[in-house]
Amino acid sequence: EETSAGIKEKRDKTSIIPERTAKMQELAAYEKQLDSLSAKISEFESAEKITALCEKRYLSKREESVKLSKEYAAASQSYFDSIAGILAAELTDGKACPVCGSIVHPTPAKLGDNAVTREQLDKIKARWDSVNSSLEEYAHDLGENKAVLDGIVKLIGESEFFTGDISSTKAKVDEAARENRANAGKFKGEIEELKKLADSIPSDEAMLETLWSKLEKNKKLCDEKKAETARLSLLAEEKTKT
């Protein structure tokens, strides 16, 4: 009876194993979700750094482009002024101007000391074109990285943990992950103990079978002894009468 009651108690305790196993599966699935979200946050942090570098590179190149634009404008003005000076140097009174046709030249343009040549102007233009080409490439890279960043933020924003700020969202996700791991560890330990208990039931049942077998043998032996006692009592009575 004691062994039978013990087996029943163990069966009652271990009956919750399927329920606990299902809970463990839920926690495992939840852990995957949290891991995926953590990965997205890490991806955001990486993309944010890359975007910041792209933006810095773009702004630096844009500043260079603006500077060269001004330099080219000034050089162009100097170059065209120098053309006028070159033409003016060849003007003489009485000789028609090749530009306006006048034969009188009261205030001819003067050739400046820092006049820009066509070759110099072309070099500045080539540098400016090269910078603008890089600027266009950097702008494209910056746009692509910002789009990636916005896409990641959108995915994170769909999470229940999103606070509007990535840093505080990350803290909430990390806290949830720690709590989930703690719960999973607790359930895992409980399931392991219950399985050990369940594994001991077959040996208890085998012992119960042995006890039942012994009990039946003892009952049979007892019945035999009772019959023998009755026979001997009857014989004793007969002997007493004799």
Protein backbone atom coordinates (compact mmCIF):
# COMPACT_ATOMS: atom_id res chain seq x y z
CA GLU A 1 0.00 0.00 0.00
CA GLU A 2 2.83 2.36 0.83
CA THR A 3 4.61 1.64 -2.48
CA SER A 4 1.37 1.96 -4.46
CA ALA A 5 0.61 5.32 -2.82
CA GLY A 6 4.14 6.50 -3.61
CA ILE A 7 3.72 5.60 -7.29
CA LYS A 8 0.42 7.48 -7.43
CA GLU A 9 2.01 10.53 -5.85
CA LYS A 10 4.85 10.45 -8.39
CA ARG A 11 2.40 10.12 -11.28
CA ASP A 12 0.42 13.09 -9.99
CA LYS A 13 3.57 15.22 -9.70
CA THR A 14 4.96 14.24 -13.11
CA SER A 15 1.63 14.77 -14.91
CA ILE A 16 2.57 18.45 -15.41
CA ILE A 17 5.65 17.57 -17.52
CA PRO A 18 3.80 18.16 -20.85
CA GLU A 19 2.53 21.52 -19.59
CA ARG A 20 6.01 22.57 -18.44
CA THR A 21 7.54 21.35 -21.70
CA ALA A 22 5.04 23.43 -23.68
CA LYS A 23 5.96 26.45 -21.53
CA MET A 24 9.63 25.84 -22.23
CA GLN A 25 8.89 25.82 -25.96
CA GLU A 26 7.07 29.15 -25.59
CA LEU A 27 10.04 30.61 -23.73
CA ALA A 28 12.42 29.29 -26.42
CA ALA A 29 10.31 30.89 -29.16
CA TYR A 30 10.19 34.15 -27.19
CA GLU A 31 13.96 34.03 -26.76
CA LYS A 32 14.35 33.79 -30.55
CA GLN A 33 12.15 36.87 -30.95
CA LEU A 34 14.22 38.78 -28.41
CA ASP A 35 17.46 37.63 -30.05
CA SER A 36 16.16 38.76 -33.42
CA LEU A 37 15.20 42.16 -31.98
CA SER A 38 18.60 42.49 -30.27
CA ALA A 39 20.26 41.68 -33.59
CA LYS A 40 18.18 44.40 -35.27
CA ILE A 41 19.23 46.90 -32.62
CA SER A 42 22.88 45.95 -33.12
CA GLU A 43 22.33 46.29 -36.87
CA PHE A 44 20.85 49.74 -36.27
CA GLU A 45 23.83 50.81 -34.17
CA SER A 46 26.22 49.64 -36.89
CA ALA A 47 24.16 51.28 -39.66
CA GLU A 48 23.95 54.49 -37.62
CA LYS A 49 27.75 54.68 -37.36
CA ILE A 50 28.17 54.01 -41.08
CA THR A 51 25.51 56.63 -41.93
CA ALA A 52 27.23 59.18 -39.69
CA LEU A 53 30.55 58.52 -41.48
CA CYS A 54 28.84 58.80 -44.89
CA GLU A 55 27.23 62.08 -43.85
CA LYS A 56 30.53 63.45 -42.57
CA ARG A 57 32.24 62.44 -45.81
CA TYR A 58 29.43 63.95 -47.89
CA LEU A 59 29.45 67.28 -46.01
CA SER A 60 33.23 67.52 -46.30
CA LYS A 61 33.06 66.86 -50.04
CA ARG A 62 30.19 69.34 -50.44
CA GLU A 63 32.24 72.01 -48.66
CA GLU A 64 35.13 71.25 -51.02
CA SER A 65 32.78 71.53 -54.00
CA VAL A 66 31.46 74.90 -52.83
CA LYS A 67 35.01 76.13 -52.33
CA LEU A 68 36.07 74.99 -55.82
CA SER A 69 32.89 76.50 -57.27
CA LYS A 70 33.89 79.89 -55.90
CA GLU A 71 37.49 79.36 -57.01
CA TYR A 72 36.33 78.45 -60.52
CA ALA A 73 34.01 81.45 -60.69
CA ALA A 74 36.82 83.76 -59.66
CA ALA A 75 39.24 82.07 -62.07
CA SER A 76 36.69 82.32 -64.89
CA GLN A 77 36.26 86.02 -64.24
CA SER A 78 40.03 86.47 -64.15
CA TYR A 79 40.41 84.47 -67.34
CA PHE A 80 37.82 86.46 -69.27
CA ASP A 81 39.28 89.66 -67.90
CA SER A 82 42.68 88.53 -69.10
CA ILE A 83 41.25 87.89 -72.59
CA ALA A 84 40.02 91.46 -72.66
CA GLY A 85 43.45 92.63 -71.48
CA ILE A 86 45.20 90.62 -74.18
CA LEU A 87 42.93 92.09 -76.86
CA ALA A 88 43.31 95.58 -75.39
CA ALA A 89 47.08 95.30 -75.52
CA GLU A 90 46.85 94.93 -79.27
CA LEU A 91 44.55 97.96 -79.73
CA THR A 92 45.87 101.14 -81.32
CA ASP A 93 43.99 104.35 -82.09
CA GLY A 94 42.75 104.37 -85.61
CA LYS A 95 42.63 100.56 -85.77
CA ALA A 96 39.17 99.02 -85.43
CA CYS A 97 38.49 96.97 -82.33
CA PRO A 98 37.83 93.30 -83.30
CA VAL A 99 35.01 93.21 -80.75
CA CYS A 100 33.11 96.48 -81.13
CA GLY A 101 34.63 97.95 -84.27
CA SER A 102 35.52 101.28 -82.65
CA ILE A 103 38.67 103.01 -83.83
CA VAL A 104 38.90 105.05 -80.63
CA HIS A 105 39.99 103.29 -77.44
CA PRO A 106 39.81 105.71 -74.50
CA THR A 107 39.89 103.13 -71.62
CA PRO A 108 41.29 99.81 -72.83
CA ALA A 109 41.26 96.86 -70.38
CA LYS A 110 44.51 96.15 -68.62
CA LEU A 111 46.11 92.74 -68.23
CA GLY A 112 46.30 91.94 -64.51
CA ASP A 113 49.37 90.63 -62.74
CA ASN A 114 47.52 87.44 -61.62
CA ALA A 115 45.76 86.67 -64.88
CA VAL A 116 44.51 83.08 -65.22
CA THR A 117 45.37 81.09 -68.31
CA ARG A 118 43.01 78.75 -70.10
CA GLU A 119 45.11 75.79 -68.94
CA GLN A 120 44.83 76.88 -65.31
CA LEU A 121 41.09 77.38 -65.68
CA ASP A 122 40.67 73.90 -67.19
CA LYS A 123 42.61 72.34 -64.30
CA ILE A 124 40.36 74.02 -61.75
CA LYS A 125 37.31 72.88 -63.72
CA ALA A 126 38.66 69.31 -63.87
CA ARG A 127 39.20 69.30 -60.10
CA TRP A 128 35.71 70.68 -59.54
CA ASP A 129 34.17 68.06 -61.86
CA SER A 130 36.06 65.30 -60.02
CA VAL A 131 34.85 66.58 -56.65
CA ASN A 132 31.27 66.84 -57.91
CA SER A 133 31.46 63.29 -59.23
CA SER A 134 32.59 62.08 -55.80
CA LEU A 135 29.94 64.27 -54.18
CA GLU A 136 27.24 62.60 -56.26
CA GLU A 137 28.57 59.16 -55.28
CA TYR A 138 28.71 60.13 -51.58
CA ALA A 139 25.18 61.54 -51.74
CA HIS A 140 23.96 58.24 -53.22
CA ASP A 141 25.73 56.24 -50.49
CA LEU A 142 24.30 58.50 -47.79
CA GLY A 143 20.80 58.12 -49.21
CA GLU A 144 21.09 54.34 -49.33
CA ASN A 145 22.37 54.11 -45.76
CA LYS A 146 19.65 56.43 -44.49
CA ALA A 147 17.06 54.24 -46.21
CA VAL A 148 18.52 51.13 -44.54
CA LEU A 149 18.55 52.93 -41.20
CA ASP A 150 14.92 54.03 -41.62
CA GLY A 151 13.92 50.46 -42.52
CA ILE A 152 15.57 49.07 -39.39
CA VAL A 153 13.93 51.74 -37.21
CA LYS A 154 10.56 50.84 -38.73
CA LEU A 155 11.02 47.15 -37.85
CA ILE A 156 12.14 47.99 -34.30
CA GLY A 157 9.22 50.42 -34.01
CA GLU A 158 6.78 47.54 -34.52
CA SER A 159 8.06 45.88 -31.34
CA GLU A 160 6.18 46.07 -28.05
CA PHE A 161 9.42 47.23 -26.43
CA PHE A 162 9.88 50.31 -28.64
CA THR A 163 9.94 53.50 -26.58
CA GLY A 164 10.74 55.94 -29.34
CA ASP A 165 14.40 55.82 -28.36
CA ILE A 166 16.74 53.03 -29.45
CA SER A 167 18.89 53.18 -26.32
CA SER A 168 16.00 52.76 -23.87
CA THR A 169 14.41 50.15 -26.17
CA LYS A 170 17.66 48.16 -26.05
CA ALA A 171 17.63 48.33 -22.24
CA LYS A 172 14.05 47.00 -22.13
CA VAL A 173 14.86 44.17 -24.54
CA ASP A 174 17.96 43.19 -22.52
CA GLU A 175 15.92 43.16 -19.31
CA ALA A 176 13.21 41.00 -20.92
CA ALA A 177 15.89 38.62 -22.23
CA ARG A 178 17.42 38.26 -18.75
CA GLU A 179 14.01 37.57 -17.22
CA ASN A 180 13.16 35.08 -19.95
CA ARG A 181 16.45 33.21 -19.44
CA ALA A 182 15.82 33.07 -15.69
CA ASN A 183 12.33 31.63 -16.24
CA ALA A 184 13.65 29.14 -18.77
CA GLY A 185 16.33 28.02 -16.32
CA LYS A 186 13.75 27.56 -13.58
CA PHE A 187 11.45 25.49 -15.79
CA LYS A 188 14.36 23.47 -17.15
CA GLY A 189 15.47 22.55 -13.62
CA GLU A 190 11.92 21.64 -12.66
CA ILE A 191 11.43 19.47 -15.75
CA GLU A 192 14.73 17.66 -15.12
CA GLU A 193 13.67 16.84 -11.55
CA LEU A 194 10.24 15.68 -12.71
CA LYS A 195 11.80 13.47 -15.38
CA LYS A 196 14.06 11.88 -12.80
CA LEU A 197 10.97 11.24 -10.70
CA ALA A 198 9.16 9.77 -13.72
CA ASP A 199 12.16 7.59 -14.52
CA SER A 200 11.98 6.09 -11.02
CA ILE A 201 8.34 4.95 -11.46
CA PRO A 202 9.13 1.79 -13.51
CA SER A 203 11.47 0.49 -10.79
CA ASP A 204 8.80 1.27 -8.17
CA GLU A 205 6.26 -0.62 -10.27
CA ALA A 206 8.62 -3.57 -10.60
CA MET A 207 9.12 -3.54 -6.83
CA LEU A 208 5.33 -3.42 -6.39
CA GLU A 209 4.94 -6.42 -8.66
CA THR A 210 7.53 -8.27 -6.56
CA LEU A 211 5.71 -7.32 -3.37
CA TRP A 212 2.39 -8.50 -4.81
CA SER A 213 3.99 -11.78 -5.80
CA LYS A 214 5.41 -12.24 -2.31
CA LEU A 215 2.06 -11.28 -0.81
CA GLU A 216 0.23 -13.87 -2.89
CA LYS A 217 2.75 -16.53 -1.92
CA ASN A 218 2.40 -15.61 1.74
CA LYS A 219 -1.39 -15.65 1.47
CA LYS A 220 -1.25 -19.09 -0.09
CA LEU A 221 1.19 -20.28 2.58
CA CYS A 222 -1.03 -18.78 5.26
CA ASP A 223 -4.08 -20.58 3.87
CA GLU A 224 -2.10 -23.82 3.82
CA LYS A 225 -1.04 -23.31 7.44
CA LYS A 226 -4.62 -22.54 8.45
CA ALA A 227 -5.80 -25.76 6.80
CA GLU A 228 -2.98 -27.68 8.50
CA THR A 229 -3.86 -26.12 11.84
CA ALA A 230 -7.52 -27.07 11.42
CA ARG A 231 -6.51 -30.63 10.57
CA LEU A 232 -4.21 -30.85 13.56
CA SER A 233 -6.90 -29.40 15.85
CA LEU A 234 -9.36 -32.02 14.67
CA LEU A 235 -6.74 -34.69 15.19
CA ALA A 236 -5.99 -33.33 18.68
CA GLU A 237 -9.67 -33.53 19.59
CA GLU A 238 -9.79 -37.11 18.40
CA LYS A 239 -6.69 -37.93 20.39
CA THR A 240 -8.18 -36.25 23.47
CA LYS A 241 -11.36 -38.32 23.09
CA THR A 242 -9.27 -41.43 22.69
